[in-house]
Amino acid sequence: MAKGKKTGGRQKGTPNKDNPLKCVLRAHSEAYFTPRVQTDPITGGAKEIQRQRLTQDEEGNIYKVIDLIPLTDTKGNPVIMSDFEADMIALTPNERVNAELHLIEFHTPKLKAVDVDLEANISAKTIEDRLRALCGEDDDEDED
């Protein structure tokens, strides 16, 4: 800037260029986190979520069971929640915690490790010794 006046570049108040990819991603994220009525697009009824769990029978065999969880309120009407919340319900507790931890990484700054190397040169000096050093006198002259 020459003498406090703008001599080139964009004019004051000119907005940045739109990035089409960022606009699409922002719109997708807003839709994913916006609450809406959870209905099944095919049947039109309440949406059901599949949750998998492992079960063991009396003989010791372990097998996978899929539970269907309807997203309805106490009256049987579809609930209003975001698709994110519906997906979190479908996860196992362990998967849910891992998903939350990954999301937190985007919202909290990562702390940098600080390595400190401290060396202390401690010598027992009295006030008189410091005053002599400031005056330029040597300790050897006083001792003789």
Protein backbone atom coordinates (compact mmCIF):
# COMPACT_ATOMS: atom_id res chain seq x y z
CA MET A 1 0.00 0.00 0.00
CA ALA A 2 1.38 3.34 -0.99
CA LYS A 3 0.70 6.24 1.37
CA GLY A 4 -2.33 4.53 2.91
CA LYS A 5 -4.22 4.20 -0.38
CA LYS A 6 -5.08 1.00 -2.19
CA THR A 7 -3.22 0.87 -5.50
CA GLY A 8 -4.30 -2.50 -6.92
CA GLY A 9 -6.00 -5.82 -6.32
CA ARG A 10 -9.66 -6.43 -5.54
CA GLN A 11 -11.91 -3.61 -4.51
CA LYS A 12 -12.95 -3.43 -0.87
CA GLY A 13 -15.98 -5.64 -0.16
CA THR A 14 -15.52 -7.95 -3.16
CA PRO A 15 -16.57 -11.49 -2.09
CA ASN A 16 -14.36 -14.52 -2.66
CA LYS A 17 -15.06 -16.83 -5.60
CA ASP A 18 -17.48 -19.66 -4.92
CA ASN A 19 -15.96 -23.13 -4.85
CA PRO A 20 -18.53 -25.58 -6.31
CA LEU A 21 -17.10 -28.56 -4.42
CA LYS A 22 -17.32 -26.75 -1.08
CA CYS A 23 -20.91 -25.73 -1.83
CA VAL A 24 -21.92 -29.33 -2.58
CA LEU A 25 -20.19 -30.67 0.55
CA ARG A 26 -21.72 -27.96 2.74
CA ALA A 27 -25.22 -28.66 1.39
CA HIS A 28 -24.77 -32.42 1.92
CA SER A 29 -23.56 -31.91 5.49
CA GLU A 30 -26.41 -29.54 6.30
CA ALA A 31 -28.95 -32.06 4.98
CA TYR A 32 -27.30 -34.91 6.94
CA PHE A 33 -27.39 -33.03 10.25
CA THR A 34 -30.78 -31.30 9.81
CA PRO A 35 -33.66 -32.95 11.73
CA ARG A 36 -36.45 -34.35 9.57
CA VAL A 37 -39.26 -36.90 9.84
CA GLN A 38 -37.68 -40.36 9.57
CA THR A 39 -39.83 -42.17 7.02
CA ASP A 40 -38.97 -45.06 4.73
CA PRO A 41 -38.83 -43.75 1.14
CA ILE A 42 -40.27 -47.02 -0.25
CA THR A 43 -43.15 -47.81 2.13
CA GLY A 44 -43.78 -44.30 3.43
CA GLY A 45 -44.04 -45.64 6.98
CA ALA A 46 -41.64 -45.22 9.87
CA LYS A 47 -38.02 -45.95 9.05
CA GLU A 48 -36.42 -49.03 10.64
CA ILE A 49 -32.75 -49.28 11.52
CA GLN A 50 -30.81 -52.52 11.49
CA ARG A 51 -28.44 -53.07 14.41
CA GLN A 52 -26.13 -56.08 14.48
CA ARG A 53 -25.07 -57.88 17.63
CA LEU A 54 -23.32 -61.12 18.50
CA THR A 55 -25.18 -63.77 20.50
CA GLN A 56 -24.10 -67.07 22.00
CA ASP A 57 -26.45 -70.04 22.32
CA GLU A 58 -26.43 -72.75 24.99
CA GLU A 59 -24.03 -74.91 22.98
CA GLY A 60 -21.44 -72.10 22.84
CA ASN A 61 -21.96 -71.21 19.18
CA ILE A 62 -21.62 -67.50 18.44
CA TYR A 63 -23.73 -66.03 15.70
CA LYS A 64 -24.79 -62.63 14.43
CA VAL A 65 -28.31 -61.33 15.06
CA ILE A 66 -29.84 -58.35 13.27
CA ASP A 67 -32.37 -56.36 15.30
CA LEU A 68 -34.84 -54.03 13.57
CA ILE A 69 -35.37 -50.83 15.54
CA PRO A 70 -38.35 -48.76 14.38
CA LEU A 71 -37.82 -44.99 14.60
CA THR A 72 -41.21 -44.23 16.11
CA ASP A 73 -42.50 -42.37 19.15
CA THR A 74 -44.81 -43.87 21.77
CA LYS A 75 -47.86 -43.38 19.49
CA GLY A 76 -46.20 -45.13 16.55
CA ASN A 77 -45.54 -41.96 14.54
CA PRO A 78 -42.16 -41.48 12.83
CA VAL A 79 -39.74 -39.47 14.99
CA ILE A 80 -38.07 -36.24 13.96
CA MET A 81 -34.28 -36.60 14.05
CA SER A 82 -31.32 -36.10 11.75
CA ASP A 83 -29.91 -38.87 9.60
CA PHE A 84 -26.73 -38.59 11.69
CA GLU A 85 -28.64 -39.44 14.87
CA ALA A 86 -30.35 -42.35 13.13
CA ASP A 87 -26.99 -43.70 11.94
CA MET A 88 -25.55 -43.36 15.45
CA ILE A 89 -28.40 -45.51 16.82
CA ALA A 90 -27.48 -48.25 14.34
CA LEU A 91 -23.89 -48.44 15.63
CA THR A 92 -22.70 -50.62 18.47
CA PRO A 93 -21.55 -48.74 21.58
CA ASN A 94 -17.88 -49.31 20.68
CA GLU A 95 -18.40 -48.03 17.11
CA ARG A 96 -20.38 -45.06 18.44
CA VAL A 97 -17.53 -44.01 20.74
CA ASN A 98 -14.99 -44.30 17.92
CA ALA A 99 -17.20 -42.19 15.64
CA GLU A 100 -17.55 -39.50 18.32
CA LEU A 101 -13.79 -39.45 18.87
CA HIS A 102 -13.16 -38.98 15.15
CA LEU A 103 -15.69 -36.14 15.02
CA ILE A 104 -14.07 -34.40 18.00
CA GLU A 105 -10.79 -34.21 16.06
CA PHE A 106 -12.44 -31.75 13.66
CA HIS A 107 -13.60 -29.42 16.44
CA THR A 108 -10.67 -29.34 18.84
CA PRO A 109 -7.20 -28.13 18.01
CA LYS A 110 -4.38 -30.62 18.30
CA LEU A 111 -1.87 -29.67 20.94
CA LYS A 112 1.76 -29.69 19.95
CA ALA A 113 4.27 -31.39 22.19
CA VAL A 114 6.69 -28.93 23.75
CA ASP A 115 10.20 -30.15 24.54
CA VAL A 116 11.94 -28.01 27.14
CA ASP A 117 15.64 -28.33 27.93
CA LEU A 118 16.47 -26.56 31.15
CA GLU A 119 19.98 -26.15 32.46
CA ALA A 120 20.55 -24.21 35.62
CA ASN A 121 23.91 -22.74 36.55
CA ILE A 122 23.43 -22.14 40.21
CA SER A 123 26.26 -20.65 42.17
CA ALA A 124 26.01 -19.41 45.70
CA LYS A 125 26.87 -15.71 45.47
CA THR A 126 26.20 -13.19 48.13
CA ILE A 127 25.09 -9.65 47.52
CA GLU A 128 28.62 -8.45 48.20
CA ASP A 129 29.99 -10.80 45.52
CA ARG A 130 27.50 -9.46 43.00
CA LEU A 131 28.29 -5.84 43.87
CA ARG A 132 32.03 -6.51 43.47
CA ALA A 133 31.39 -8.12 40.08
CA LEU A 134 29.36 -5.10 38.99
CA CYS A 135 32.09 -2.70 40.12
CA GLY A 136 34.71 -4.68 38.27
CA GLU A 137 36.61 -5.76 41.36
CA ASP A 138 37.99 -9.26 41.52
CA ASP A 139 37.45 -11.55 44.49
CA ASP A 140 41.11 -12.50 44.44
CA GLU A 141 42.27 -8.97 45.36
CA ASP A 142 40.11 -8.87 48.52
CA GLU A 143 41.30 -12.21 49.80
CA ASP A 144 45.02 -11.21 49.83
